[in-house]
């Protein structure tokens, strides 16, 4: 399993968004590509994003040119 955790701190106070923006949609789309699960926690002291995916899903995913 791949467990990725992104924690932001030291910035302005955070509150849950009123709409899903480009960044949230991009993260959700990328995690779906590898059958991953995503959790966004909008804690007042900073955003915490956790992504979990099976390594097999990442290794067998077809590669595409960017």
C-alpha atoms as a PDB file:
ATOM      1  CA  UNK A   1       0.000   0.000   0.000  1.00  0.00           C
ATOM      2  CA  UNK A   2       1.027   3.570  -0.652  1.00  0.00           C
ATOM      3  CA  UNK A   3       0.004   6.030   2.054  1.00  0.00           C
ATOM      4  CA  UNK A   4       0.568   9.698   1.266  1.00  0.00           C
ATOM      5  CA  UNK A   5      -0.164  12.409   3.791  1.00  0.00           C
ATOM      6  CA  UNK A   6       0.078  16.133   3.063  1.00  0.00           C
ATOM      7  CA  UNK A   7      -0.239  18.456   6.049  1.00  0.00           C
ATOM      8  CA  UNK A   8      -0.276  22.238   5.772  1.00  0.00           C
ATOM      9  CA  UNK A   9       0.474  24.524   8.708  1.00  0.00           C
ATOM     10  CA  UNK A  10       1.552  28.057   9.503  1.00  0.00           C
ATOM     11  CA  UNK A  11      -0.880  29.721   7.120  1.00  0.00           C
ATOM     12  CA  UNK A  12      -4.200  31.448   7.629  1.00  0.00           C
ATOM     13  CA  UNK A  13      -7.017  29.645   9.420  1.00  0.00           C
ATOM     14  CA  UNK A  14      -8.707  27.044   7.187  1.00  0.00           C
ATOM     15  CA  UNK A  15     -12.408  26.317   6.805  1.00  0.00           C
ATOM     16  CA  UNK A  16     -14.189  23.793   4.578  1.00  0.00           C
ATOM     17  CA  UNK A  17     -14.768  25.173   1.081  1.00  0.00           C
ATOM     18  CA  UNK A  18     -18.237  26.047  -0.145  1.00  0.00           C
ATOM     19  CA  UNK A  19     -17.470  24.477  -3.540  1.00  0.00           C
ATOM     20  CA  UNK A  20     -15.043  21.984  -5.046  1.00  0.00           C
ATOM     21  CA  UNK A  21     -12.240  23.772  -6.861  1.00  0.00           C
ATOM     22  CA  UNK A  22      -9.808  22.653  -9.545  1.00  0.00           C
ATOM     23  CA  UNK A  23      -7.232  21.324  -7.060  1.00  0.00           C
ATOM     24  CA  UNK A  24      -9.754  19.151  -5.207  1.00  0.00           C
ATOM     25  CA  UNK A  25     -11.102  17.737  -8.458  1.00  0.00           C
ATOM     26  CA  UNK A  26      -7.570  17.043  -9.713  1.00  0.00           C
ATOM     27  CA  UNK A  27      -6.632  15.160  -6.533  1.00  0.00           C
ATOM     28  CA  UNK A  28      -9.866  13.154  -6.605  1.00  0.00           C
ATOM     29  CA  UNK A  29      -9.387  12.264 -10.282  1.00  0.00           C
ATOM     30  CA  UNK A  30      -5.770  11.167  -9.749  1.00  0.00           C
ATOM     31  CA  UNK A  31      -6.700   8.965  -6.785  1.00  0.00           C
ATOM     32  CA  UNK A  32      -9.499   7.301  -8.803  1.00  0.00           C
ATOM     33  CA  UNK A  33      -6.981   6.470 -11.553  1.00  0.00           C
ATOM     34  CA  UNK A  34      -5.164   4.178  -9.104  1.00  0.00           C
ATOM     35  CA  UNK A  35      -8.247   2.940  -7.202  1.00  0.00           C
ATOM     36  CA  UNK A  36      -7.160   5.070  -4.271  1.00  0.00           C
ATOM     37  CA  UNK A  37      -9.049   6.605  -1.404  1.00  0.00           C
ATOM     38  CA  UNK A  38      -8.736  10.260  -0.510  1.00  0.00           C
ATOM     39  CA  UNK A  39      -9.572  12.128   2.660  1.00  0.00           C
ATOM     40  CA  UNK A  40      -9.487  15.903   2.982  1.00  0.00           C
ATOM     41  CA  UNK A  41      -9.624  17.329   6.496  1.00  0.00           C
ATOM     42  CA  UNK A  42     -10.055  21.098   6.617  1.00  0.00           C
ATOM     43  CA  UNK A  43      -8.781  21.558  10.177  1.00  0.00           C
ATOM     44  CA  UNK A  44      -8.613  25.217  11.300  1.00  0.00           C
ATOM     45  CA  UNK A  45      -4.796  25.024  11.662  1.00  0.00           C
ATOM     46  CA  UNK A  46      -4.323  23.666   8.118  1.00  0.00           C
ATOM     47  CA  UNK A  47      -5.458  21.241   5.454  1.00  0.00           C
ATOM     48  CA  UNK A  48      -4.613  17.551   5.836  1.00  0.00           C
ATOM     49  CA  UNK A  49      -4.897  15.417   2.686  1.00  0.00           C
ATOM     50  CA  UNK A  50      -4.493  11.635   2.974  1.00  0.00           C
ATOM     51  CA  UNK A  51      -4.334   9.354  -0.068  1.00  0.00           C
ATOM     52  CA  UNK A  52      -4.132   5.566   0.079  1.00  0.00           C
ATOM     53  CA  UNK A  53      -3.671   3.334  -2.976  1.00  0.00           C
ATOM     54  CA  UNK A  54      -2.641  -0.255  -3.644  1.00  0.00           C
ATOM     55  CA  UNK A  55       0.819  -0.393  -5.215  1.00  0.00           C
ATOM     56  CA  UNK A  56      -0.433  -3.017  -7.679  1.00  0.00           C
ATOM     57  CA  UNK A  57      -2.884  -0.470  -9.100  1.00  0.00           C
ATOM     58  CA  UNK A  58      -0.076   2.050  -9.571  1.00  0.00           C
ATOM     59  CA  UNK A  59       2.355  -0.465 -11.131  1.00  0.00           C
ATOM     60  CA  UNK A  60      -0.173  -1.878 -13.634  1.00  0.00           C
ATOM     61  CA  UNK A  61      -1.640   1.452 -14.700  1.00  0.00           C
ATOM     62  CA  UNK A  62      -0.886   2.133 -18.403  1.00  0.00           C
ATOM     63  CA  UNK A  63       1.644   4.918 -18.858  1.00  0.00           C
ATOM     64  CA  UNK A  64       0.649   7.897 -20.971  1.00  0.00           C
ATOM     65  CA  UNK A  65       2.733  10.680 -22.426  1.00  0.00           C
ATOM     66  CA  UNK A  66       2.397  14.049 -20.751  1.00  0.00           C
END
